[in-house]
Amino acid sequence: MNDVSEDDTKPLRVEDADELDRYIEKHDRLLVDCYTNGCALCQAIEPVVGNVARATDVTVAMVNPGEDLSLVERYDIRSVPTLLLFEDGELVDRMADGFRGTEAVVEFVEKSSGT
């Protein structure tokens, strides 16, 4: 696990499936941004997920499934960026429609939680 202190208002950087599993288990609500290096849309959505971390009660993590290909199969990642929303350890929703602004992602998170 990263030695960086955890700050729930900033996205956590996750290295692989094992580390992601620990975060899913640790946090009641976790939004995972699946990205790849060199992806312009992924770079554009990074500040958006940071805004979502500050605007909601969800913890945000970022993972590059290209670094651990088991994630691609496990979560059926067909394109990036893909956002995965976990609640109580279960995948409850996904957003895989390319770049979306802060308002749309906050709405996605809040709709999925029923708040």
C-alpha atoms as a PDB file:
ATOM      1  CA  MET A   1       0.000   0.000   0.000  1.00  0.00           C
ATOM      2  CA  ASN A   2       1.190   3.536  -0.653  1.00  0.00           C
ATOM      3  CA  ASP A   3       2.972   5.309   2.192  1.00  0.00           C
ATOM      4  CA  VAL A   4       1.157   8.527   1.361  1.00  0.00           C
ATOM      5  CA  SER A   5      -1.227   9.639   4.098  1.00  0.00           C
ATOM      6  CA  GLU A   6      -4.830   9.182   3.118  1.00  0.00           C
ATOM      7  CA  ASP A   7      -6.877  12.296   2.514  1.00  0.00           C
ATOM      8  CA  ASP A   8     -10.456  11.494   1.486  1.00  0.00           C
ATOM      9  CA  THR A   9     -10.686  14.781  -0.428  1.00  0.00           C
ATOM     10  CA  LYS A  10      -8.048  13.638  -2.934  1.00  0.00           C
ATOM     11  CA  PRO A  11      -8.112  10.562  -5.157  1.00  0.00           C
ATOM     12  CA  LEU A  12      -6.050   7.659  -3.828  1.00  0.00           C
ATOM     13  CA  ARG A  13      -3.576   6.061  -6.248  1.00  0.00           C
ATOM     14  CA  VAL A  14      -4.014   2.283  -6.345  1.00  0.00           C
ATOM     15  CA  GLU A  15      -1.295   0.066  -7.846  1.00  0.00           C
ATOM     16  CA  ASP A  16      -3.006  -3.310  -8.396  1.00  0.00           C
ATOM     17  CA  ALA A  17      -6.033  -5.540  -7.745  1.00  0.00           C
ATOM     18  CA  ASP A  18      -4.870  -6.546  -4.248  1.00  0.00           C
ATOM     19  CA  GLU A  19      -4.533  -2.940  -3.144  1.00  0.00           C
ATOM     20  CA  LEU A  20      -7.891  -2.075  -4.736  1.00  0.00           C
ATOM     21  CA  ASP A  21      -9.529  -4.958  -2.862  1.00  0.00           C
ATOM     22  CA  ARG A  22      -8.183  -3.548   0.424  1.00  0.00           C
ATOM     23  CA  TYR A  23      -9.628  -0.107  -0.360  1.00  0.00           C
ATOM     24  CA  ILE A  24     -12.991  -1.593  -1.391  1.00  0.00           C
ATOM     25  CA  GLU A  25     -13.115  -3.465   1.921  1.00  0.00           C
ATOM     26  CA  LYS A  26     -11.987  -0.448   3.968  1.00  0.00           C
ATOM     27  CA  HIS A  27     -14.374   2.198   2.581  1.00  0.00           C
ATOM     28  CA  ASP A  28     -18.174   2.081   2.756  1.00  0.00           C
ATOM     29  CA  ARG A  29     -18.407   3.982  -0.524  1.00  0.00           C
ATOM     30  CA  LEU A  30     -15.640   4.042  -3.106  1.00  0.00           C
ATOM     31  CA  LEU A  31     -15.602   5.537  -6.604  1.00  0.00           C
ATOM     32  CA  VAL A  32     -12.834   4.012  -8.734  1.00  0.00           C
ATOM     33  CA  ASP A  33     -11.554   5.870 -11.788  1.00  0.00           C
ATOM     34  CA  CYS A  34     -10.043   3.348 -14.226  1.00  0.00           C
ATOM     35  CA  TYR A  35      -7.613   5.165 -16.510  1.00  0.00           C
ATOM     36  CA  THR A  36      -4.631   4.565 -18.771  1.00  0.00           C
ATOM     37  CA  ASN A  37      -1.497   6.609 -19.300  1.00  0.00           C
ATOM     38  CA  GLY A  38      -1.620   8.810 -22.372  1.00  0.00           C
ATOM     39  CA  CYS A  39      -5.430   8.931 -22.465  1.00  0.00           C
ATOM     40  CA  ALA A  40      -6.524  12.556 -22.925  1.00  0.00           C
ATOM     41  CA  LEU A  41     -10.045  11.900 -21.601  1.00  0.00           C
ATOM     42  CA  CYS A  42      -8.556  10.178 -18.541  1.00  0.00           C
ATOM     43  CA  GLN A  43      -6.341  13.187 -17.859  1.00  0.00           C
ATOM     44  CA  ALA A  44      -9.335  15.506 -18.263  1.00  0.00           C
ATOM     45  CA  ILE A  45     -11.485  13.548 -15.799  1.00  0.00           C
ATOM     46  CA  GLU A  46      -8.819  13.438 -13.057  1.00  0.00           C
ATOM     47  CA  PRO A  47      -9.689  16.905 -11.656  1.00  0.00           C
ATOM     48  CA  VAL A  48     -13.386  15.991 -11.943  1.00  0.00           C
ATOM     49  CA  VAL A  49     -13.014  12.972  -9.655  1.00  0.00           C
ATOM     50  CA  GLY A  50     -11.026  15.183  -7.285  1.00  0.00           C
ATOM     51  CA  ASN A  51     -13.991  17.581  -7.197  1.00  0.00           C
ATOM     52  CA  VAL A  52     -16.334  14.652  -6.571  1.00  0.00           C
ATOM     53  CA  ALA A  53     -14.183  13.538  -3.619  1.00  0.00           C
ATOM     54  CA  ARG A  54     -14.558  17.012  -2.099  1.00  0.00           C
ATOM     55  CA  ALA A  55     -18.257  17.446  -2.942  1.00  0.00           C
ATOM     56  CA  THR A  56     -19.573  14.069  -1.732  1.00  0.00           C
ATOM     57  CA  ASP A  57     -18.982  11.534   1.037  1.00  0.00           C
ATOM     58  CA  VAL A  58     -17.493   9.034  -1.410  1.00  0.00           C
ATOM     59  CA  THR A  59     -13.803   8.146  -1.332  1.00  0.00           C
ATOM     60  CA  VAL A  60     -12.184   8.251  -4.781  1.00  0.00           C
ATOM     61  CA  ALA A  61      -9.426   5.942  -5.995  1.00  0.00           C
ATOM     62  CA  MET A  62      -7.622   5.811  -9.325  1.00  0.00           C
ATOM     63  CA  VAL A  63      -6.230   2.657 -10.896  1.00  0.00           C
ATOM     64  CA  ASN A  64      -4.596   1.882 -14.230  1.00  0.00           C
ATOM     65  CA  PRO A  65      -5.984  -1.529 -15.258  1.00  0.00           C
ATOM     66  CA  GLY A  66      -3.162  -1.787 -17.804  1.00  0.00           C
ATOM     67  CA  GLU A  67      -0.816  -2.284 -14.834  1.00  0.00           C
ATOM     68  CA  ASP A  68      -2.882  -5.252 -13.578  1.00  0.00           C
ATOM     69  CA  LEU A  69      -4.810  -6.877 -16.420  1.00  0.00           C
ATOM     70  CA  SER A  70      -6.888  -8.984 -14.013  1.00  0.00           C
ATOM     71  CA  LEU A  71      -8.869  -5.795 -13.343  1.00  0.00           C
ATOM     72  CA  VAL A  72      -9.889  -5.555 -17.016  1.00  0.00           C
ATOM     73  CA  GLU A  73     -11.542  -8.956 -16.906  1.00  0.00           C
ATOM     74  CA  ARG A  74     -12.887  -8.729 -13.355  1.00  0.00           C
ATOM     75  CA  TYR A  75     -14.713  -5.448 -13.976  1.00  0.00           C
ATOM     76  CA  ASP A  76     -15.326  -5.851 -17.726  1.00  0.00           C
ATOM     77  CA  ILE A  77     -13.482  -2.637 -18.582  1.00  0.00           C
ATOM     78  CA  ARG A  78     -13.995  -1.982 -22.294  1.00  0.00           C
ATOM     79  CA  SER A  79     -12.993   1.685 -22.439  1.00  0.00           C
ATOM     80  CA  VAL A  80     -11.385   4.365 -20.313  1.00  0.00           C
ATOM     81  CA  PRO A  81     -12.163   6.335 -18.373  1.00  0.00           C
ATOM     82  CA  THR A  82     -14.540   3.952 -16.604  1.00  0.00           C
ATOM     83  CA  LEU A  83     -15.891   4.880 -13.183  1.00  0.00           C
ATOM     84  CA  LEU A  84     -16.875   2.051 -10.841  1.00  0.00           C
ATOM     85  CA  LEU A  85     -18.959   2.730  -7.731  1.00  0.00           C
ATOM     86  CA  PHE A  86     -18.698   0.358  -4.781  1.00  0.00           C
ATOM     87  CA  GLU A  87     -20.909   0.353  -1.702  1.00  0.00           C
ATOM     88  CA  ASP A  88     -20.270  -1.973   1.220  1.00  0.00           C
ATOM     89  CA  GLY A  89     -17.804  -3.983  -0.860  1.00  0.00           C
ATOM     90  CA  GLU A  90     -20.146  -4.522  -3.817  1.00  0.00           C
ATOM     91  CA  LEU A  91     -19.992  -2.982  -7.290  1.00  0.00           C
ATOM     92  CA  VAL A  92     -23.310  -1.126  -7.541  1.00  0.00           C
ATOM     93  CA  ASP A  93     -22.926   0.999 -10.676  1.00  0.00           C
ATOM     94  CA  ARG A  94     -20.579   2.053 -13.467  1.00  0.00           C
ATOM     95  CA  MET A  95     -20.165   5.004 -15.804  1.00  0.00           C
ATOM     96  CA  ALA A  96     -18.285   4.373 -19.024  1.00  0.00           C
ATOM     97  CA  ASP A  97     -19.426   7.142 -21.370  1.00  0.00           C
ATOM     98  CA  GLY A  98     -16.133   8.988 -21.799  1.00  0.00           C
ATOM     99  CA  PHE A  99     -15.540  12.370 -20.213  1.00  0.00           C
ATOM    100  CA  ARG A 100     -18.261  13.677 -17.912  1.00  0.00           C
ATOM    101  CA  GLY A 101     -18.144  16.884 -15.897  1.00  0.00           C
ATOM    102  CA  THR A 102     -18.225  17.228 -12.128  1.00  0.00           C
ATOM    103  CA  GLU A 103     -21.984  17.779 -11.966  1.00  0.00           C
ATOM    104  CA  ALA A 104     -22.738  14.598 -13.954  1.00  0.00           C
ATOM    105  CA  VAL A 105     -20.378  12.468 -11.852  1.00  0.00           C
ATOM    106  CA  VAL A 106     -21.701  13.889  -8.546  1.00  0.00           C
ATOM    107  CA  GLU A 107     -25.233  13.132  -9.800  1.00  0.00           C
ATOM    108  CA  PHE A 108     -24.134   9.574 -10.711  1.00  0.00           C
ATOM    109  CA  VAL A 109     -22.688   9.025  -7.214  1.00  0.00           C
ATOM    110  CA  GLU A 110     -25.696  10.501  -5.413  1.00  0.00           C
ATOM    111  CA  LYS A 111     -28.260   8.700  -7.602  1.00  0.00           C
ATOM    112  CA  SER A 112     -26.571   5.384  -6.954  1.00  0.00           C
ATOM    113  CA  SER A 113     -26.545   5.920  -3.188  1.00  0.00           C
ATOM    114  CA  GLY A 114     -30.197   6.882  -3.099  1.00  0.00           C
ATOM    115  CA  THR A 115     -29.460  10.239  -1.457  1.00  0.00           C
END
